[in-house]
């Protein structure tokens, strides 16, 4: 399932970086922290690799 907004795509990228050990889990906030805890690495990859072109800034 692709990300539905730029904010969602960014949050998934941050959570993915934390899952991979590229950043500390303690640096995560809000949606990215929730995504880290509730999604697998493959699910996060799918969200994070979504093309941002045409996506709204935030999901309504």
PDB file of N, CA and C in Angstrom:
ATOM      1  N   UNK A   1       0.858  -1.165   0.000  1.00  0.00           N
ATOM      2  CA  UNK A   1       0.000   0.000   0.000  1.00  0.00           C
ATOM      3  C   UNK A   1       0.910   1.236   0.000  1.00  0.00           C
ATOM      4  N   UNK A   2       0.772   2.090  -0.976  1.00  0.00           N
ATOM      5  CA  UNK A   2       1.610   3.297  -1.021  1.00  0.00           C
ATOM      6  C   UNK A   2       1.133   4.357  -0.034  1.00  0.00           C
ATOM      7  N   UNK A   3       2.037   5.258   0.296  1.00  0.00           N
ATOM      8  CA  UNK A   3       1.696   6.374   1.188  1.00  0.00           C
ATOM      9  C   UNK A   3       0.652   7.251   0.513  1.00  0.00           C
ATOM     10  N   UNK A   4      -0.200   7.884   1.320  1.00  0.00           N
ATOM     11  CA  UNK A   4      -1.275   8.709   0.784  1.00  0.00           C
ATOM     12  C   UNK A   4      -0.989  10.199   0.923  1.00  0.00           C
ATOM     13  N   UNK A   5       0.148  10.551   1.525  1.00  0.00           N
ATOM     14  CA  UNK A   5       0.528  11.954   1.644  1.00  0.00           C
ATOM     15  C   UNK A   5       2.041  12.050   1.806  1.00  0.00           C
ATOM     16  N   UNK A   6       2.572  13.247   1.571  1.00  0.00           N
ATOM     17  CA  UNK A   6       4.005  13.469   1.743  1.00  0.00           C
ATOM     18  C   UNK A   6       4.411  13.274   3.194  1.00  0.00           C
ATOM     19  N   UNK A   7       3.567  13.713   4.120  1.00  0.00           N
ATOM     20  CA  UNK A   7       3.866  13.570   5.540  1.00  0.00           C
ATOM     21  C   UNK A   7       3.950  12.092   5.927  1.00  0.00           C
ATOM     22  N   UNK A   8       3.050  11.291   5.400  1.00  0.00           N
ATOM     23  CA  UNK A   8       3.038   9.856   5.692  1.00  0.00           C
ATOM     24  C   UNK A   8       4.287   9.187   5.112  1.00  0.00           C
ATOM     25  N   UNK A   9       4.689   9.607   3.924  1.00  0.00           N
ATOM     26  CA  UNK A   9       5.872   9.056   3.284  1.00  0.00           C
ATOM     27  C   UNK A   9       7.126   9.408   4.086  1.00  0.00           C
ATOM     28  N   UNK A  10       7.204  10.629   4.574  1.00  0.00           N
ATOM     29  CA  UNK A  10       8.343  11.075   5.380  1.00  0.00           C
ATOM     30  C   UNK A  10       8.408  10.319   6.708  1.00  0.00           C
ATOM     31  N   UNK A  11       7.276  10.159   7.352  1.00  0.00           N
ATOM     32  CA  UNK A  11       7.218   9.448   8.633  1.00  0.00           C
ATOM     33  C   UNK A  11       7.668   8.003   8.450  1.00  0.00           C
ATOM     34  N   UNK A  12       7.251   7.386   7.364  1.00  0.00           N
ATOM     35  CA  UNK A  12       7.651   6.009   7.091  1.00  0.00           C
ATOM     36  C   UNK A  12       9.159   5.927   6.860  1.00  0.00           C
ATOM     37  N   UNK A  13       9.716   6.915   6.180  1.00  0.00           N
ATOM     38  CA  UNK A  13      11.161   6.940   5.947  1.00  0.00           C
ATOM     39  C   UNK A  13      11.942   7.048   7.243  1.00  0.00           C
ATOM     40  N   UNK A  14      11.476   7.870   8.158  1.00  0.00           N
ATOM     41  CA  UNK A  14      12.140   8.014   9.454  1.00  0.00           C
ATOM     42  C   UNK A  14      12.036   6.721  10.258  1.00  0.00           C
ATOM     43  N   UNK A  15      10.856   6.115  10.268  1.00  0.00           N
ATOM     44  CA  UNK A  15      10.670   4.855  11.002  1.00  0.00           C
ATOM     45  C   UNK A  15      11.537   3.752  10.405  1.00  0.00           C
ATOM     46  N   UNK A  16      11.646   3.725   9.091  1.00  0.00           N
ATOM     47  CA  UNK A  16      12.479   2.730   8.419  1.00  0.00           C
ATOM     48  C   UNK A  16      13.947   2.919   8.783  1.00  0.00           C
ATOM     49  N   UNK A  17      14.394   4.156   8.819  1.00  0.00           N
ATOM     50  CA  UNK A  17      15.781   4.439   9.203  1.00  0.00           C
ATOM     51  C   UNK A  17      16.059   3.944  10.623  1.00  0.00           C
ATOM     52  N   UNK A  18      15.108   4.123  11.518  1.00  0.00           N
ATOM     53  CA  UNK A  18      15.278   3.652  12.891  1.00  0.00           C
ATOM     54  C   UNK A  18      15.287   2.123  12.946  1.00  0.00           C
ATOM     55  N   UNK A  19      14.425   1.472  12.180  1.00  0.00           N
ATOM     56  CA  UNK A  19      14.391  -0.001  12.143  1.00  0.00           C
ATOM     57  C   UNK A  19      15.731  -0.552  11.672  1.00  0.00           C
ATOM     58  N   UNK A  20      16.358   0.153  10.726  1.00  0.00           N
ATOM     59  CA  UNK A  20      17.628  -0.299  10.163  1.00  0.00           C
ATOM     60  C   UNK A  20      18.825   0.118  11.006  1.00  0.00           C
ATOM     61  N   UNK A  21      18.579   0.866  12.073  1.00  0.00           N
ATOM     62  CA  UNK A  21      19.656   1.291  12.949  1.00  0.00           C
ATOM     63  C   UNK A  21      20.409   2.516  12.455  1.00  0.00           C
ATOM     64  N   UNK A  22      19.857   3.207  11.463  1.00  0.00           N
ATOM     65  CA  UNK A  22      20.509   4.392  10.905  1.00  0.00           C
ATOM     66  C   UNK A  22      20.240   5.636  11.744  1.00  0.00           C
ATOM     67  N   UNK A  23      19.265   5.572  12.613  1.00  0.00           N
ATOM     68  CA  UNK A  23      18.990   6.644  13.567  1.00  0.00           C
ATOM     69  C   UNK A  23      18.430   6.010  14.836  1.00  0.00           C
ATOM     70  N   UNK A  24      18.430   6.758  15.904  1.00  0.00           N
ATOM     71  CA  UNK A  24      17.960   6.227  17.180  1.00  0.00           C
ATOM     72  C   UNK A  24      16.439   6.243  17.263  1.00  0.00           C
ATOM     73  N   UNK A  25      15.890   5.199  17.857  1.00  0.00           N
ATOM     74  CA  UNK A  25      14.445   5.122  18.058  1.00  0.00           C
ATOM     75  C   UNK A  25      13.959   6.303  18.895  1.00  0.00           C
ATOM     76  N   UNK A  26      14.785   6.765  19.816  1.00  0.00           N
ATOM     77  CA  UNK A  26      14.401   7.875  20.696  1.00  0.00           C
ATOM     78  C   UNK A  26      14.234   9.197  19.943  1.00  0.00           C
ATOM     79  N   UNK A  27      14.752   9.282  18.716  1.00  0.00           N
ATOM     80  CA  UNK A  27      14.615  10.490  17.899  1.00  0.00           C
ATOM     81  C   UNK A  27      13.262  10.556  17.198  1.00  0.00           C
ATOM     82  N   UNK A  28      12.538   9.451  17.174  1.00  0.00           N
ATOM     83  CA  UNK A  28      11.240   9.407  16.490  1.00  0.00           C
ATOM     84  C   UNK A  28      10.173  10.114  17.306  1.00  0.00           C
ATOM     85  N   UNK A  29       9.235  10.737  16.598  1.00  0.00           N
ATOM     86  CA  UNK A  29       8.118  11.424  17.244  1.00  0.00           C
ATOM     87  C   UNK A  29       6.837  11.124  16.472  1.00  0.00           C
ATOM     88  N   UNK A  30       5.727  11.228  17.150  1.00  0.00           N
ATOM     89  CA  UNK A  30       4.409  11.151  16.508  1.00  0.00           C
ATOM     90  C   UNK A  30       4.201   9.925  15.644  1.00  0.00           C
ATOM     91  N   UNK A  31       3.804  10.173  14.393  1.00  0.00           N
ATOM     92  CA  UNK A  31       3.435   9.101  13.471  1.00  0.00           C
ATOM     93  C   UNK A  31       4.588   8.153  13.191  1.00  0.00           C
ATOM     94  N   UNK A  32       5.805   8.691  13.079  1.00  0.00           N
ATOM     95  CA  UNK A  32       6.937   7.818  12.777  1.00  0.00           C
ATOM     96  C   UNK A  32       7.193   6.836  13.924  1.00  0.00           C
ATOM     97  N   UNK A  33       6.982   7.269  15.152  1.00  0.00           N
ATOM     98  CA  UNK A  33       7.163   6.385  16.313  1.00  0.00           C
ATOM     99  C   UNK A  33       6.102   5.283  16.304  1.00  0.00           C
ATOM    100  N   UNK A  34       4.865   5.655  15.984  1.00  0.00           N
ATOM    101  CA  UNK A  34       3.784   4.666  15.903  1.00  0.00           C
ATOM    102  C   UNK A  34       4.036   3.668  14.775  1.00  0.00           C
ATOM    103  N   UNK A  35       4.500   4.179  13.636  1.00  0.00           N
ATOM    104  CA  UNK A  35       4.799   3.302  12.497  1.00  0.00           C
ATOM    105  C   UNK A  35       5.924   2.329  12.851  1.00  0.00           C
ATOM    106  N   UNK A  36       6.934   2.814  13.526  1.00  0.00           N
ATOM    107  CA  UNK A  36       8.067   1.976  13.938  1.00  0.00           C
ATOM    108  C   UNK A  36       7.577   0.793  14.754  1.00  0.00           C
ATOM    109  N   UNK A  37       6.662   1.062  15.669  1.00  0.00           N
ATOM    110  CA  UNK A  37       6.192   0.027  16.577  1.00  0.00           C
ATOM    111  C   UNK A  37       5.170  -0.920  15.953  1.00  0.00           C
ATOM    112  N   UNK A  38       4.423  -0.459  14.959  1.00  0.00           N
ATOM    113  CA  UNK A  38       3.320  -1.273  14.459  1.00  0.00           C
ATOM    114  C   UNK A  38       3.528  -1.880  13.066  1.00  0.00           C
ATOM    115  N   UNK A  39       4.595  -1.489  12.363  1.00  0.00           N
ATOM    116  CA  UNK A  39       4.777  -1.965  10.991  1.00  0.00           C
ATOM    117  C   UNK A  39       6.092  -2.713  10.842  1.00  0.00           C
ATOM    118  N   UNK A  40       6.102  -3.646   9.885  1.00  0.00           N
ATOM    119  CA  UNK A  40       7.332  -4.390   9.593  1.00  0.00           C
ATOM    120  C   UNK A  40       8.226  -3.549   8.684  1.00  0.00           C
ATOM    121  N   UNK A  41       9.466  -3.971   8.556  1.00  0.00           N
ATOM    122  CA  UNK A  41      10.409  -3.247   7.700  1.00  0.00           C
ATOM    123  C   UNK A  41       9.930  -3.228   6.248  1.00  0.00           C
ATOM    124  N   UNK A  42       9.365  -4.330   5.777  1.00  0.00           N
ATOM    125  CA  UNK A  42       8.896  -4.379   4.387  1.00  0.00           C
ATOM    126  C   UNK A  42       7.701  -3.446   4.163  1.00  0.00           C
ATOM    127  N   UNK A  43       6.818  -3.345   5.143  1.00  0.00           N
ATOM    128  CA  UNK A  43       5.691  -2.415   5.033  1.00  0.00           C
ATOM    129  C   UNK A  43       6.192  -0.972   5.000  1.00  0.00           C
ATOM    130  N   UNK A  44       7.163  -0.674   5.840  1.00  0.00           N
ATOM    131  CA  UNK A  44       7.727   0.679   5.873  1.00  0.00           C
ATOM    132  C   UNK A  44       8.424   1.014   4.563  1.00  0.00           C
ATOM    133  N   UNK A  45       9.123   0.038   3.988  1.00  0.00           N
ATOM    134  CA  UNK A  45       9.785   0.250   2.695  1.00  0.00           C
ATOM    135  C   UNK A  45       8.770   0.639   1.631  1.00  0.00           C
ATOM    136  N   UNK A  46       7.641  -0.055   1.631  1.00  0.00           N
ATOM    137  CA  UNK A  46       6.599   0.212   0.636  1.00  0.00           C
ATOM    138  C   UNK A  46       6.068   1.644   0.768  1.00  0.00           C
ATOM    139  N   UNK A  47       5.845   2.090   1.982  1.00  0.00           N
ATOM    140  CA  UNK A  47       5.382   3.458   2.214  1.00  0.00           C
ATOM    141  C   UNK A  47       6.467   4.463   1.843  1.00  0.00           C
ATOM    142  N   UNK A  48       7.691   4.199   2.271  1.00  0.00           N
ATOM    143  CA  UNK A  48       8.780   5.154   2.090  1.00  0.00           C
ATOM    144  C   UNK A  48       9.182   5.323   0.632  1.00  0.00           C
ATOM    145  N   UNK A  49       9.019   4.300  -0.186  1.00  0.00           N
ATOM    146  CA  UNK A  49       9.445   4.406  -1.576  1.00  0.00           C
ATOM    147  C   UNK A  49       8.381   4.998  -2.497  1.00  0.00           C
ATOM    148  N   UNK A  50       7.252   5.383  -1.952  1.00  0.00           N
ATOM    149  CA  UNK A  50       6.194   6.012  -2.738  1.00  0.00           C
ATOM    150  C   UNK A  50       6.702   7.299  -3.371  1.00  0.00           C
ATOM    151  N   UNK A  51       6.440   7.474  -4.651  1.00  0.00           N
ATOM    152  CA  UNK A  51       6.820   8.702  -5.346  1.00  0.00           C
ATOM    153  C   UNK A  51       6.013   9.860  -4.785  1.00  0.00           C
ATOM    154  N   UNK A  52       6.689  10.934  -4.396  1.00  0.00           N
ATOM    155  CA  UNK A  52       6.024  12.077  -3.754  1.00  0.00           C
ATOM    156  C   UNK A  52       5.291  12.971  -4.750  1.00  0.00           C
ATOM    157  N   UNK A  53       5.596  12.836  -6.025  1.00  0.00           N
ATOM    158  CA  UNK A  53       4.954  13.678  -7.024  1.00  0.00           C
ATOM    159  C   UNK A  53       3.449  13.443  -7.038  1.00  0.00           C
ATOM    160  N   UNK A  54       2.705  14.506  -6.870  1.00  0.00           N
ATOM    161  CA  UNK A  54       1.250  14.416  -6.905  1.00  0.00           C
ATOM    162  C   UNK A  54       0.589  14.112  -5.566  1.00  0.00           C
ATOM    163  N   UNK A  55       1.383  13.825  -4.548  1.00  0.00           N
ATOM    164  CA  UNK A  55       0.798  13.554  -3.233  1.00  0.00           C
ATOM    165  C   UNK A  55       0.471  14.871  -2.511  1.00  0.00           C
ATOM    166  N   UNK A  56      -0.630  14.897  -1.764  1.00  0.00           N
ATOM    167  CA  UNK A  56      -0.904  16.097  -0.955  1.00  0.00           C
ATOM    168  C   UNK A  56       0.085  16.170   0.195  1.00  0.00           C
ATOM    169  N   UNK A  57       0.280  17.365   0.749  1.00  0.00           N
ATOM    170  CA  UNK A  57       1.204  17.520   1.872  1.00  0.00           C
ATOM    171  C   UNK A  57       0.758  16.705   3.078  1.00  0.00           C
ATOM    172  N   UNK A  58      -0.548  16.749   3.366  1.00  0.00           N
ATOM    173  CA  UNK A  58      -1.107  16.013   4.499  1.00  0.00           C
ATOM    174  C   UNK A  58      -2.368  15.301   4.058  1.00  0.00           C
ATOM    175  N   UNK A  59      -2.629  14.180   4.695  1.00  0.00           N
ATOM    176  CA  UNK A  59      -3.851  13.420   4.433  1.00  0.00           C
ATOM    177  C   UNK A  59      -4.990  14.101   5.175  1.00  0.00           C
ATOM    178  N   UNK A  60      -6.095  14.294   4.503  1.00  0.00           N
ATOM    179  CA  UNK A  60      -7.250  14.953   5.141  1.00  0.00           C
ATOM    180  C   UNK A  60      -7.968  14.059   6.089  1.00  0.00           C
TER     181      UNK A  60
END
